[in-house]
């Protein structure tokens, strides 16, 4: 039997790549990448010449059987996403589940994940929290927000810049304008910043300053 390695990659700052991650990517037989163009730049930077293959949400279903056969044949594969830890709002779960079902070893390296620094520096309780990732785009969105309005734990979301205003507006509708939030953007990058305050205050900030970059939203529980 081979082995699947889940390898986190930097969410912005290349200095966050671990020595162990580089070593694993150098030694495996194949690297499965969400976007080979993006990952190709990362591998070039760390002088990693391991073969690279595309593995993303649109092709992972049809590739899993082939990957399982390679792993059963003794291959050592690494899975990486564009940024952060595989399977956290990125491809990775389906292949990992299939490996577990086929008694193939899976090893996940520790490393970068955007929601952890955003949660820790939010100033909101982080002893108990719930990670929601991206809210549904349309179907089920309002139902999910109604349910989360009663959540007592700190809630963590991912959001894109073009949906941030809509999401904050809906937070006011479902959570109330005084609910505390902390929004981190461009974590580990040059223009990293965190905006904290009531939902209404943070919404006013981003209405005056159009959102750019990738966002992690941390919301106070009820």
N, C-alpha and C. Protein backbone atom coordinates (compact mmCIF):
# COMPACT_ATOMS: atom_id res chain seq x y z
N UNK A 1 0.83 -1.20 0.00
CA UNK A 1 0.00 0.00 0.00
C UNK A 1 0.87 1.26 0.00
N UNK A 2 0.39 2.25 -0.72
CA UNK A 2 1.07 3.54 -0.71
C UNK A 2 0.55 4.40 0.42
N UNK A 3 0.64 5.71 0.24
CA UNK A 3 0.23 6.62 1.30
C UNK A 3 -0.16 7.96 0.70
N UNK A 4 -1.21 8.58 1.24
CA UNK A 4 -1.64 9.92 0.83
C UNK A 4 -1.20 10.92 1.89
N UNK A 5 -0.50 11.96 1.44
CA UNK A 5 -0.11 13.05 2.33
C UNK A 5 -0.95 14.28 2.01
N UNK A 6 -1.57 14.86 3.02
CA UNK A 6 -2.29 16.12 2.86
C UNK A 6 -1.34 17.21 3.34
N UNK A 7 -0.93 18.07 2.41
CA UNK A 7 0.14 19.03 2.70
C UNK A 7 -0.36 20.47 2.63
N UNK A 8 -0.39 21.18 3.76
CA UNK A 8 -0.79 22.59 3.74
C UNK A 8 0.25 23.44 3.01
N UNK A 9 -0.22 24.47 2.34
CA UNK A 9 0.67 25.42 1.68
C UNK A 9 0.36 26.83 2.19
N UNK A 10 1.29 27.76 2.04
CA UNK A 10 1.09 29.12 2.58
C UNK A 10 -0.18 29.78 2.05
N UNK A 11 -0.82 30.59 2.90
CA UNK A 11 -2.02 31.32 2.47
C UNK A 11 -1.65 32.68 1.90
N UNK A 12 -0.37 32.97 1.85
CA UNK A 12 0.08 34.25 1.30
C UNK A 12 1.58 34.41 1.38
N UNK A 13 2.12 34.29 2.58
CA UNK A 13 3.55 34.48 2.81
C UNK A 13 4.29 33.15 2.63
N UNK A 14 5.16 33.08 1.64
CA UNK A 14 5.86 31.83 1.34
C UNK A 14 6.75 31.36 2.49
N UNK A 15 7.11 32.26 3.40
CA UNK A 15 7.94 31.87 4.54
C UNK A 15 7.19 30.98 5.52
N UNK A 16 5.88 30.83 5.34
CA UNK A 16 5.09 29.96 6.21
C UNK A 16 5.13 28.50 5.77
N UNK A 17 5.78 28.22 4.65
CA UNK A 17 5.95 26.83 4.20
C UNK A 17 6.89 26.13 5.18
N UNK A 18 6.53 24.92 5.63
CA UNK A 18 7.38 24.23 6.60
C UNK A 18 8.45 23.40 5.89
N UNK A 19 9.55 23.14 6.61
CA UNK A 19 10.62 22.30 6.07
C UNK A 19 10.07 20.91 5.74
N UNK A 20 9.21 20.42 6.61
CA UNK A 20 8.65 19.08 6.41
C UNK A 20 7.78 19.02 5.16
N UNK A 21 7.00 20.08 4.93
CA UNK A 21 6.15 20.10 3.73
C UNK A 21 6.99 20.05 2.47
N UNK A 22 8.06 20.82 2.44
CA UNK A 22 8.96 20.81 1.27
C UNK A 22 9.54 19.42 1.07
N UNK A 23 9.99 18.79 2.15
CA UNK A 23 10.60 17.46 2.07
C UNK A 23 9.62 16.43 1.53
N UNK A 24 8.38 16.46 2.03
CA UNK A 24 7.38 15.51 1.56
C UNK A 24 7.09 15.71 0.07
N UNK A 25 6.92 16.95 -0.34
CA UNK A 25 6.62 17.23 -1.76
C UNK A 25 7.78 16.84 -2.67
N UNK A 26 8.99 16.88 -2.16
CA UNK A 26 10.15 16.46 -2.94
C UNK A 26 10.22 14.94 -3.08
N UNK A 27 9.70 14.22 -2.09
CA UNK A 27 9.90 12.77 -2.04
C UNK A 27 8.74 11.94 -2.58
N UNK A 28 7.53 12.51 -2.68
CA UNK A 28 6.39 11.72 -3.18
C UNK A 28 6.52 11.48 -4.68
N UNK A 29 5.70 10.55 -5.17
CA UNK A 29 5.73 10.20 -6.60
C UNK A 29 4.93 11.17 -7.46
N UNK A 30 3.89 11.77 -6.86
CA UNK A 30 3.01 12.67 -7.61
C UNK A 30 2.35 13.66 -6.66
N UNK A 31 2.20 14.88 -7.14
CA UNK A 31 1.49 15.91 -6.36
C UNK A 31 0.18 16.23 -7.06
N UNK A 32 -0.92 16.12 -6.34
CA UNK A 32 -2.23 16.49 -6.85
C UNK A 32 -2.50 17.93 -6.40
N UNK A 33 -2.77 18.81 -7.36
CA UNK A 33 -2.90 20.23 -7.05
C UNK A 33 -4.22 20.78 -7.56
N UNK A 34 -4.81 21.68 -6.78
CA UNK A 34 -6.07 22.31 -7.16
C UNK A 34 -5.93 23.09 -8.46
N UNK A 35 -4.84 23.86 -8.59
CA UNK A 35 -4.55 24.63 -9.80
C UNK A 35 -3.06 24.45 -10.09
N UNK A 36 -2.75 23.72 -11.13
CA UNK A 36 -1.34 23.40 -11.42
C UNK A 36 -0.53 24.64 -11.75
N UNK A 37 -1.17 25.67 -12.31
CA UNK A 37 -0.43 26.90 -12.64
C UNK A 37 -0.01 27.62 -11.36
N UNK A 38 -0.95 27.72 -10.43
CA UNK A 38 -0.66 28.37 -9.16
C UNK A 38 0.36 27.58 -8.35
N UNK A 39 0.14 26.27 -8.26
CA UNK A 39 1.05 25.42 -7.48
C UNK A 39 2.41 25.29 -8.14
N UNK A 40 2.44 25.40 -9.47
CA UNK A 40 3.71 25.33 -10.19
C UNK A 40 4.67 26.42 -9.74
N UNK A 41 4.14 27.60 -9.46
CA UNK A 41 4.98 28.71 -8.99
C UNK A 41 5.54 28.40 -7.61
N UNK A 42 4.71 27.80 -6.76
CA UNK A 42 5.16 27.43 -5.41
C UNK A 42 6.27 26.39 -5.48
N UNK A 43 6.06 25.37 -6.30
CA UNK A 43 7.05 24.31 -6.41
C UNK A 43 8.37 24.82 -7.00
N UNK A 44 8.27 25.71 -7.96
CA UNK A 44 9.48 26.30 -8.55
C UNK A 44 10.26 27.09 -7.52
N UNK A 45 9.55 27.83 -6.66
CA UNK A 45 10.20 28.63 -5.64
C UNK A 45 11.01 27.76 -4.68
N UNK A 46 10.48 26.58 -4.36
CA UNK A 46 11.17 25.69 -3.42
C UNK A 46 11.96 24.59 -4.13
N UNK A 47 12.15 24.74 -5.43
CA UNK A 47 12.97 23.82 -6.24
C UNK A 47 12.47 22.38 -6.10
N UNK A 48 11.17 22.22 -6.24
CA UNK A 48 10.54 20.90 -6.18
C UNK A 48 10.15 20.51 -7.60
N UNK A 49 10.67 19.39 -8.09
CA UNK A 49 10.41 19.00 -9.49
C UNK A 49 9.55 17.74 -9.59
N UNK A 50 8.82 17.43 -8.54
CA UNK A 50 7.91 16.27 -8.54
C UNK A 50 6.78 16.49 -9.56
N UNK A 51 6.40 15.46 -10.30
CA UNK A 51 5.28 15.61 -11.26
C UNK A 51 4.02 16.14 -10.60
N UNK A 52 3.29 16.93 -11.36
CA UNK A 52 2.11 17.64 -10.85
C UNK A 52 0.90 17.26 -11.69
N UNK A 53 -0.24 17.03 -11.03
CA UNK A 53 -1.47 16.70 -11.74
C UNK A 53 -2.64 17.48 -11.16
N UNK A 54 -3.55 17.90 -12.03
CA UNK A 54 -4.72 18.67 -11.60
C UNK A 54 -5.70 17.81 -10.80
N UNK A 55 -6.18 18.34 -9.68
CA UNK A 55 -7.18 17.65 -8.86
C UNK A 55 -8.03 18.72 -8.17
N UNK A 56 -9.19 19.01 -8.75
CA UNK A 56 -10.04 20.08 -8.22
C UNK A 56 -11.49 19.62 -8.14
N UNK A 57 -12.36 20.51 -7.68
CA UNK A 57 -13.75 20.13 -7.39
C UNK A 57 -14.51 19.65 -8.63
N UNK A 58 -14.03 20.01 -9.83
CA UNK A 58 -14.75 19.64 -11.04
C UNK A 58 -14.29 18.31 -11.63
N UNK A 59 -13.15 17.80 -11.17
CA UNK A 59 -12.69 16.52 -11.73
C UNK A 59 -12.37 15.47 -10.68
N UNK A 60 -12.48 15.83 -9.39
CA UNK A 60 -12.04 14.89 -8.35
C UNK A 60 -12.86 13.61 -8.32
N UNK A 61 -14.16 13.69 -8.63
CA UNK A 61 -14.99 12.48 -8.59
C UNK A 61 -14.48 11.42 -9.57
N UNK A 62 -14.17 11.83 -10.79
CA UNK A 62 -13.76 10.84 -11.79
C UNK A 62 -12.30 10.41 -11.65
N UNK A 63 -11.50 11.13 -10.86
CA UNK A 63 -10.10 10.79 -10.69
C UNK A 63 -9.83 9.90 -9.48
N UNK A 64 -10.80 9.85 -8.56
CA UNK A 64 -10.55 9.16 -7.29
C UNK A 64 -10.22 7.68 -7.49
N UNK A 65 -10.98 7.00 -8.33
CA UNK A 65 -10.75 5.57 -8.53
C UNK A 65 -9.34 5.30 -9.04
N UNK A 66 -8.89 6.14 -9.98
CA UNK A 66 -7.54 5.99 -10.52
C UNK A 66 -6.49 6.23 -9.45
N UNK A 67 -6.71 7.26 -8.62
CA UNK A 67 -5.75 7.57 -7.57
C UNK A 67 -5.69 6.45 -6.53
N UNK A 68 -6.85 5.86 -6.20
CA UNK A 68 -6.88 4.77 -5.23
C UNK A 68 -6.10 3.57 -5.77
N UNK A 69 -6.24 3.28 -7.05
CA UNK A 69 -5.49 2.17 -7.64
C UNK A 69 -3.99 2.43 -7.59
N UNK A 70 -3.59 3.66 -7.83
CA UNK A 70 -2.16 4.00 -7.75
C UNK A 70 -1.66 3.83 -6.32
N UNK A 71 -2.46 4.26 -5.36
CA UNK A 71 -2.07 4.14 -3.96
C UNK A 71 -2.01 2.67 -3.54
N UNK A 72 -2.95 1.87 -4.01
CA UNK A 72 -2.92 0.44 -3.70
C UNK A 72 -1.68 -0.22 -4.31
N UNK A 73 -1.21 0.35 -5.40
CA UNK A 73 -0.02 -0.18 -6.06
C UNK A 73 1.29 0.27 -5.41
N UNK A 74 1.19 1.08 -4.35
CA UNK A 74 2.39 1.47 -3.62
C UNK A 74 2.82 2.91 -3.83
N UNK A 75 2.08 3.68 -4.61
CA UNK A 75 2.48 5.07 -4.88
C UNK A 75 2.29 5.93 -3.63
N UNK A 76 3.14 6.93 -3.51
CA UNK A 76 3.02 7.93 -2.43
C UNK A 76 2.60 9.23 -3.09
N UNK A 77 1.39 9.69 -2.73
CA UNK A 77 0.82 10.88 -3.35
C UNK A 77 0.67 11.99 -2.32
N UNK A 78 0.84 13.23 -2.78
CA UNK A 78 0.59 14.39 -1.93
C UNK A 78 -0.53 15.21 -2.55
N UNK A 79 -1.41 15.72 -1.70
CA UNK A 79 -2.50 16.58 -2.16
C UNK A 79 -2.31 17.97 -1.57
N UNK A 80 -2.34 18.98 -2.44
CA UNK A 80 -2.23 20.36 -1.98
C UNK A 80 -3.37 21.18 -2.60
N UNK A 81 -3.76 22.24 -1.91
CA UNK A 81 -4.74 23.17 -2.47
C UNK A 81 -4.01 24.45 -2.86
N UNK A 82 -4.74 25.42 -3.38
CA UNK A 82 -4.09 26.68 -3.79
C UNK A 82 -3.46 27.39 -2.61
N UNK A 83 -4.09 27.28 -1.44
CA UNK A 83 -3.58 27.93 -0.24
C UNK A 83 -4.22 27.30 0.98
N UNK A 84 -3.43 27.08 2.01
CA UNK A 84 -3.96 26.53 3.24
C UNK A 84 -3.98 25.01 3.26
N UNK A 85 -4.82 24.46 4.13
CA UNK A 85 -4.88 23.02 4.33
C UNK A 85 -5.93 22.37 3.44
N UNK A 86 -5.57 21.32 2.69
CA UNK A 86 -6.54 20.63 1.84
C UNK A 86 -7.78 20.20 2.63
N UNK A 87 -8.92 20.22 1.96
CA UNK A 87 -10.22 19.78 2.50
C UNK A 87 -10.90 20.82 3.38
N UNK A 88 -10.21 21.91 3.75
CA UNK A 88 -10.86 23.00 4.49
C UNK A 88 -11.38 24.00 3.47
N UNK A 89 -12.65 23.86 3.10
CA UNK A 89 -13.27 24.66 2.02
C UNK A 89 -12.48 24.52 0.71
N UNK A 90 -11.87 23.38 0.52
CA UNK A 90 -11.09 23.06 -0.69
C UNK A 90 -11.21 21.56 -0.96
N UNK A 91 -10.83 21.10 -2.17
CA UNK A 91 -10.86 19.66 -2.45
C UNK A 91 -9.98 18.89 -1.47
N UNK A 92 -10.34 17.64 -1.23
CA UNK A 92 -9.53 16.80 -0.35
C UNK A 92 -10.34 15.79 0.43
N UNK A 93 -11.57 16.16 0.81
CA UNK A 93 -12.39 15.27 1.62
C UNK A 93 -12.70 13.96 0.90
N UNK A 94 -13.12 14.03 -0.37
CA UNK A 94 -13.55 12.83 -1.08
C UNK A 94 -12.42 11.81 -1.23
N UNK A 95 -11.23 12.29 -1.58
CA UNK A 95 -10.10 11.38 -1.73
C UNK A 95 -9.68 10.81 -0.38
N UNK A 96 -9.68 11.64 0.65
CA UNK A 96 -9.33 11.17 1.99
C UNK A 96 -10.30 10.10 2.46
N UNK A 97 -11.59 10.35 2.28
CA UNK A 97 -12.61 9.37 2.68
C UNK A 97 -12.42 8.06 1.94
N UNK A 98 -12.13 8.13 0.66
CA UNK A 98 -11.95 6.93 -0.14
C UNK A 98 -10.71 6.14 0.32
N UNK A 99 -9.66 6.86 0.71
CA UNK A 99 -8.46 6.19 1.24
C UNK A 99 -8.78 5.47 2.53
N UNK A 100 -9.53 6.12 3.41
CA UNK A 100 -9.91 5.51 4.69
C UNK A 100 -10.74 4.26 4.44
N UNK A 101 -11.66 4.33 3.49
CA UNK A 101 -12.52 3.19 3.18
C UNK A 101 -11.73 2.03 2.60
N UNK A 102 -10.59 2.33 1.97
CA UNK A 102 -9.76 1.29 1.34
C UNK A 102 -8.53 0.94 2.18
N UNK A 103 -8.54 1.36 3.44
CA UNK A 103 -7.44 1.06 4.37
C UNK A 103 -6.08 1.53 3.86
N UNK A 104 -6.10 2.69 3.19
CA UNK A 104 -4.86 3.31 2.72
C UNK A 104 -4.47 4.39 3.74
N UNK A 105 -3.21 4.41 4.11
CA UNK A 105 -2.76 5.36 5.11
C UNK A 105 -2.88 6.80 4.62
N UNK A 106 -3.32 7.68 5.50
CA UNK A 106 -3.42 9.10 5.21
C UNK A 106 -2.69 9.85 6.31
N UNK A 107 -1.85 10.78 5.91
CA UNK A 107 -1.12 11.59 6.89
C UNK A 107 -1.31 13.07 6.55
N UNK A 108 -1.79 13.84 7.50
CA UNK A 108 -1.99 15.27 7.28
C UNK A 108 -0.94 16.05 8.04
N UNK A 109 -0.17 16.84 7.34
CA UNK A 109 0.85 17.67 7.97
C UNK A 109 0.19 18.91 8.59
N UNK A 110 0.71 19.41 9.70
CA UNK A 110 0.20 20.66 10.26
C UNK A 110 0.70 21.83 9.42
N UNK A 111 -0.06 22.90 9.40
CA UNK A 111 0.38 24.05 8.62
C UNK A 111 -0.68 25.11 8.51
N UNK A 112 -0.52 25.96 7.52
CA UNK A 112 -1.35 27.15 7.38
C UNK A 112 -2.83 26.82 7.14
N UNK A 113 -3.69 27.55 7.85
CA UNK A 113 -5.14 27.53 7.65
C UNK A 113 -5.65 28.92 8.01
N UNK A 114 -6.34 29.57 7.11
CA UNK A 114 -6.68 30.98 7.29
C UNK A 114 -7.53 31.26 8.52
N UNK A 115 -8.46 30.35 8.86
CA UNK A 115 -9.39 30.72 9.93
C UNK A 115 -8.75 30.73 11.32
N UNK A 116 -7.64 30.00 11.51
CA UNK A 116 -7.05 29.94 12.85
C UNK A 116 -6.48 31.29 13.29
N UNK A 117 -5.60 31.94 12.53
CA UNK A 117 -5.12 33.26 12.98
C UNK A 117 -6.23 34.30 13.06
N UNK A 118 -7.22 34.22 12.15
CA UNK A 118 -8.33 35.17 12.19
C UNK A 118 -9.14 35.01 13.48
N UNK A 119 -9.37 33.78 13.88
CA UNK A 119 -10.11 33.50 15.11
C UNK A 119 -9.33 33.93 16.34
N UNK A 120 -8.05 33.58 16.36
CA UNK A 120 -7.23 33.87 17.54
C UNK A 120 -7.06 35.36 17.77
N UNK A 121 -6.88 36.14 16.68
CA UNK A 121 -6.66 37.58 16.88
C UNK A 121 -7.95 38.41 16.86
N UNK A 122 -9.10 37.73 16.82
CA UNK A 122 -10.38 38.45 16.77
C UNK A 122 -10.72 39.13 18.09
N UNK A 123 -10.23 38.58 19.19
CA UNK A 123 -10.62 39.09 20.50
C UNK A 123 -11.94 38.51 20.98
N UNK A 124 -12.53 37.62 20.19
CA UNK A 124 -13.77 36.96 20.57
C UNK A 124 -13.45 35.59 21.18
N UNK A 125 -14.35 35.04 21.99
CA UNK A 125 -14.07 33.75 22.63
C UNK A 125 -13.69 32.68 21.60
N UNK A 126 -12.60 31.98 21.84
CA UNK A 126 -12.19 30.94 20.90
C UNK A 126 -11.99 29.57 21.55
N UNK A 127 -12.49 29.45 22.80
CA UNK A 127 -12.42 28.14 23.45
C UNK A 127 -13.43 27.17 22.85
N UNK A 128 -14.53 27.71 22.32
CA UNK A 128 -15.54 26.92 21.62
C UNK A 128 -16.00 27.72 20.41
N UNK A 129 -15.94 27.12 19.25
CA UNK A 129 -16.34 27.83 18.04
C UNK A 129 -16.86 26.85 17.01
N UNK A 130 -17.55 27.39 15.98
CA UNK A 130 -18.05 26.56 14.89
C UNK A 130 -17.56 27.16 13.58
N UNK A 131 -17.00 26.32 12.72
CA UNK A 131 -16.49 26.77 11.42
C UNK A 131 -17.54 26.48 10.35
N UNK A 132 -18.01 27.54 9.68
CA UNK A 132 -19.06 27.41 8.67
C UNK A 132 -18.52 27.47 7.25
N UNK A 133 -17.30 27.95 7.07
CA UNK A 133 -16.78 28.10 5.71
C UNK A 133 -17.61 29.11 4.92
N UNK A 134 -17.87 28.83 3.65
CA UNK A 134 -18.68 29.72 2.82
C UNK A 134 -20.17 29.42 3.01
N UNK A 135 -20.96 30.45 3.17
CA UNK A 135 -22.41 30.28 3.22
C UNK A 135 -22.93 29.84 1.85
N UNK A 136 -24.06 29.13 1.80
CA UNK A 136 -24.65 28.79 0.49
C UNK A 136 -24.88 30.07 -0.32
N UNK A 137 -24.65 30.00 -1.61
CA UNK A 137 -24.79 31.18 -2.45
C UNK A 137 -26.26 31.60 -2.56
N UNK A 138 -27.15 30.64 -2.80
CA UNK A 138 -28.58 30.96 -2.95
C UNK A 138 -29.43 30.02 -2.10
N UNK A 139 -29.65 28.81 -2.59
CA UNK A 139 -30.53 27.86 -1.92
C UNK A 139 -29.99 27.50 -0.53
N UNK A 140 -30.81 27.68 0.48
CA UNK A 140 -30.44 27.32 1.83
C UNK A 140 -29.72 28.40 2.61
N UNK A 141 -29.42 29.51 1.98
CA UNK A 141 -28.66 30.57 2.65
C UNK A 141 -29.44 31.17 3.83
N UNK A 142 -30.68 31.57 3.59
CA UNK A 142 -31.49 32.18 4.65
C UNK A 142 -31.80 31.19 5.77
N UNK A 143 -32.03 29.94 5.39
CA UNK A 143 -32.29 28.91 6.39
C UNK A 143 -31.08 28.73 7.30
N UNK A 144 -29.89 28.77 6.69
CA UNK A 144 -28.67 28.61 7.46
C UNK A 144 -28.47 29.78 8.42
N UNK A 145 -28.73 30.98 7.95
CA UNK A 145 -28.56 32.17 8.79
C UNK A 145 -29.55 32.17 9.94
N UNK A 146 -30.78 31.74 9.69
CA UNK A 146 -31.77 31.67 10.77
C UNK A 146 -31.32 30.69 11.85
N UNK A 147 -30.76 29.59 11.41
CA UNK A 147 -30.26 28.59 12.36
C UNK A 147 -29.08 29.14 13.17
N UNK A 148 -28.15 29.82 12.49
CA UNK A 148 -26.96 30.32 13.15
C UNK A 148 -27.26 31.50 14.07
N UNK A 149 -28.39 32.14 13.89
CA UNK A 149 -28.76 33.26 14.76
C UNK A 149 -28.89 32.81 16.21
N UNK A 150 -29.14 31.53 16.43
CA UNK A 150 -29.29 30.98 17.78
C UNK A 150 -28.01 30.32 18.29
N UNK A 151 -26.95 30.32 17.47
CA UNK A 151 -25.69 29.67 17.85
C UNK A 151 -24.98 30.46 18.94
N UNK A 152 -24.63 29.79 20.04
CA UNK A 152 -24.00 30.49 21.17
C UNK A 152 -22.47 30.52 21.06
N UNK A 153 -21.91 29.66 20.21
CA UNK A 153 -20.46 29.65 20.05
C UNK A 153 -20.03 30.70 19.02
N UNK A 154 -18.78 31.08 19.07
CA UNK A 154 -18.22 31.97 18.05
C UNK A 154 -18.31 31.28 16.70
N UNK A 155 -18.66 32.03 15.66
CA UNK A 155 -18.89 31.46 14.33
C UNK A 155 -17.84 32.02 13.35
N UNK A 156 -17.27 31.14 12.53
CA UNK A 156 -16.24 31.55 11.58
C UNK A 156 -16.71 31.27 10.15
N UNK A 157 -16.59 32.28 9.29
CA UNK A 157 -16.98 32.16 7.89
C UNK A 157 -15.82 32.55 6.98
N UNK A 158 -15.83 32.03 5.77
CA UNK A 158 -15.00 32.55 4.69
C UNK A 158 -15.92 33.36 3.77
N UNK A 159 -15.39 34.42 3.15
CA UNK A 159 -16.20 35.19 2.22
C UNK A 159 -15.33 35.84 1.15
N UNK A 160 -15.90 35.99 -0.03
CA UNK A 160 -15.22 36.64 -1.14
C UNK A 160 -15.52 38.13 -1.11
N UNK A 161 -14.69 38.96 -1.74
CA UNK A 161 -14.90 40.41 -1.67
C UNK A 161 -16.22 40.88 -2.26
N UNK A 162 -16.68 40.25 -3.35
CA UNK A 162 -17.91 40.74 -3.98
C UNK A 162 -19.17 40.32 -3.25
N UNK A 163 -19.07 39.46 -2.23
CA UNK A 163 -20.26 39.07 -1.46
C UNK A 163 -20.21 39.62 -0.04
N UNK A 164 -19.13 40.28 0.34
CA UNK A 164 -18.96 40.70 1.73
C UNK A 164 -20.05 41.66 2.19
N UNK A 165 -20.37 42.66 1.40
CA UNK A 165 -21.39 43.65 1.78
C UNK A 165 -22.74 42.97 1.98
N UNK A 166 -23.10 42.09 1.05
CA UNK A 166 -24.37 41.36 1.16
C UNK A 166 -24.40 40.53 2.44
N UNK A 167 -23.30 39.86 2.74
CA UNK A 167 -23.24 39.00 3.91
C UNK A 167 -23.37 39.81 5.20
N UNK A 168 -22.67 40.93 5.29
CA UNK A 168 -22.76 41.77 6.48
C UNK A 168 -24.17 42.35 6.65
N UNK A 169 -24.79 42.72 5.54
CA UNK A 169 -26.16 43.23 5.59
C UNK A 169 -27.12 42.16 6.12
N UNK A 170 -26.91 40.93 5.69
CA UNK A 170 -27.75 39.84 6.18
C UNK A 170 -27.46 39.51 7.64
N UNK A 171 -26.21 39.69 8.07
CA UNK A 171 -25.89 39.50 9.49
C UNK A 171 -26.70 40.45 10.36
N UNK A 172 -26.84 41.71 9.90
CA UNK A 172 -27.64 42.68 10.64
C UNK A 172 -29.09 42.22 10.73
N UNK A 173 -29.59 41.70 9.61
CA UNK A 173 -30.98 41.23 9.56
C UNK A 173 -31.22 40.05 10.49
N UNK A 174 -30.29 39.08 10.52
CA UNK A 174 -30.52 37.86 11.27
C UNK A 174 -29.87 37.84 12.66
N UNK A 175 -28.74 38.54 12.82
CA UNK A 175 -28.03 38.52 14.10
C UNK A 175 -28.23 39.80 14.92
N UNK A 176 -28.63 40.88 14.24
CA UNK A 176 -28.76 42.17 14.91
C UNK A 176 -27.55 43.05 14.66
N UNK A 177 -27.76 44.35 14.62
CA UNK A 177 -26.69 45.27 14.25
C UNK A 177 -25.61 45.43 15.31
N UNK A 178 -25.89 45.00 16.54
CA UNK A 178 -24.92 45.16 17.62
C UNK A 178 -24.03 43.94 17.83
N UNK A 179 -24.25 42.88 17.07
CA UNK A 179 -23.42 41.68 17.23
C UNK A 179 -21.97 42.01 16.87
N UNK A 180 -21.04 41.59 17.69
CA UNK A 180 -19.62 41.88 17.45
C UNK A 180 -19.06 40.96 16.36
N UNK A 181 -18.26 41.56 15.48
CA UNK A 181 -17.59 40.79 14.44
C UNK A 181 -16.14 41.23 14.31
N UNK A 182 -15.34 40.36 13.76
CA UNK A 182 -13.95 40.67 13.45
C UNK A 182 -13.68 40.13 12.05
N UNK A 183 -13.22 41.00 11.15
CA UNK A 183 -12.98 40.58 9.77
C UNK A 183 -11.50 40.76 9.44
N UNK A 184 -10.87 39.65 9.08
CA UNK A 184 -9.46 39.68 8.68
C UNK A 184 -9.37 39.47 7.18
N UNK A 185 -8.51 40.25 6.53
CA UNK A 185 -8.33 40.09 5.09
C UNK A 185 -6.85 40.03 4.76
N UNK A 186 -6.55 39.32 3.67
CA UNK A 186 -5.18 39.21 3.16
C UNK A 186 -4.21 38.76 4.25
N UNK A 187 -4.61 37.76 5.03
CA UNK A 187 -3.78 37.26 6.11
C UNK A 187 -2.40 36.83 5.61
N UNK A 188 -1.38 37.21 6.33
CA UNK A 188 0.05 36.94 6.09
C UNK A 188 0.63 37.74 4.92
N UNK A 189 -0.21 38.52 4.23
CA UNK A 189 0.26 39.28 3.07
C UNK A 189 0.59 40.73 3.46
N UNK A 190 1.09 41.48 2.52
CA UNK A 190 1.54 42.84 2.77
C UNK A 190 0.44 43.74 3.32
N UNK A 191 -0.78 43.60 2.79
CA UNK A 191 -1.86 44.48 3.20
C UNK A 191 -2.81 43.82 4.19
N UNK A 192 -2.30 42.91 5.00
CA UNK A 192 -3.12 42.26 6.02
C UNK A 192 -3.72 43.29 6.97
N UNK A 193 -5.00 43.10 7.29
CA UNK A 193 -5.63 43.97 8.28
C UNK A 193 -6.81 43.26 8.91
N UNK A 194 -7.16 43.68 10.11
CA UNK A 194 -8.32 43.14 10.81
C UNK A 194 -9.18 44.30 11.29
N UNK A 195 -10.46 44.25 10.94
CA UNK A 195 -11.43 45.28 11.33
C UNK A 195 -12.39 44.66 12.35
N UNK A 196 -12.52 45.29 13.52
CA UNK A 196 -13.36 44.76 14.58
C UNK A 196 -14.43 45.78 14.97
N UNK A 197 -15.56 45.29 15.46
CA UNK A 197 -16.61 46.19 15.93
C UNK A 197 -17.98 45.56 15.77
N UNK A 198 -19.02 46.38 15.95
CA UNK A 198 -20.38 45.91 15.72
C UNK A 198 -20.57 45.67 14.22
N UNK A 199 -21.49 44.77 13.89
CA UNK A 199 -21.73 44.48 12.47
C UNK A 199 -22.03 45.76 11.70
N UNK A 200 -22.84 46.63 12.27
CA UNK A 200 -23.21 47.87 11.58
C UNK A 200 -21.99 48.75 11.33
N UNK A 201 -21.08 48.81 12.29
CA UNK A 201 -19.87 49.63 12.14
C UNK A 201 -18.95 49.06 11.07
N UNK A 202 -18.80 47.75 11.07
CA UNK A 202 -17.92 47.11 10.09
C UNK A 202 -18.52 47.22 8.69
N UNK A 203 -19.83 47.12 8.59
CA UNK A 203 -20.49 47.30 7.29
C UNK A 203 -20.24 48.71 6.77
N UNK A 204 -20.37 49.73 7.63
CA UNK A 204 -20.11 51.11 7.22
C UNK A 204 -18.68 51.27 6.71
N UNK A 205 -17.75 50.59 7.36
CA UNK A 205 -16.34 50.66 6.96
C UNK A 205 -16.16 50.16 5.54
N UNK A 206 -16.74 49.01 5.23
CA UNK A 206 -16.52 48.41 3.91
C UNK A 206 -17.40 49.02 2.83
N UNK A 207 -18.46 49.71 3.22
CA UNK A 207 -19.23 50.47 2.23
C UNK A 207 -18.44 51.70 1.81
N UNK A 208 -17.66 52.24 2.73
CA UNK A 208 -16.83 53.41 2.41
C UNK A 208 -15.52 53.01 1.74
N UNK A 209 -15.07 51.80 2.04
CA UNK A 209 -13.81 51.30 1.50
C UNK A 209 -14.07 49.94 0.86
N UNK A 210 -14.34 49.92 -0.46
CA UNK A 210 -14.72 48.68 -1.14
C UNK A 210 -13.78 47.52 -0.81
N UNK A 211 -14.34 46.37 -0.45
CA UNK A 211 -13.52 45.23 -0.03
C UNK A 211 -12.68 44.64 -1.16
N UNK A 212 -11.44 44.31 -0.82
CA UNK A 212 -10.53 43.65 -1.75
C UNK A 212 -9.79 42.55 -1.00
N UNK A 213 -9.51 41.46 -1.68
CA UNK A 213 -8.77 40.37 -1.07
C UNK A 213 -9.67 39.24 -0.60
N UNK A 214 -9.09 38.34 0.18
CA UNK A 214 -9.82 37.20 0.73
C UNK A 214 -10.13 37.48 2.20
N UNK A 215 -11.36 37.11 2.63
CA UNK A 215 -11.83 37.49 3.96
C UNK A 215 -12.17 36.29 4.84
N UNK A 216 -11.85 36.44 6.14
CA UNK A 216 -12.34 35.53 7.17
C UNK A 216 -13.16 36.36 8.13
N UNK A 217 -14.41 35.96 8.36
CA UNK A 217 -15.31 36.69 9.25
C UNK A 217 -15.51 35.87 10.53
N UNK A 218 -15.26 36.51 11.66
CA UNK A 218 -15.47 35.86 12.96
C UNK A 218 -16.61 36.61 13.66
N UNK A 219 -17.66 35.88 14.01
CA UNK A 219 -18.87 36.49 14.57
C UNK A 219 -19.10 36.01 16.00
N UNK A 220 -19.41 36.93 16.87
CA UNK A 220 -19.74 36.60 18.25
C UNK A 220 -20.98 35.73 18.30
N UNK A 221 -21.00 34.73 19.16
CA UNK A 221 -22.17 33.89 19.34
C UNK A 221 -23.26 34.65 20.06
N UNK A 222 -24.46 34.10 20.04
CA UNK A 222 -25.60 34.77 20.69
C UNK A 222 -25.38 34.85 22.20
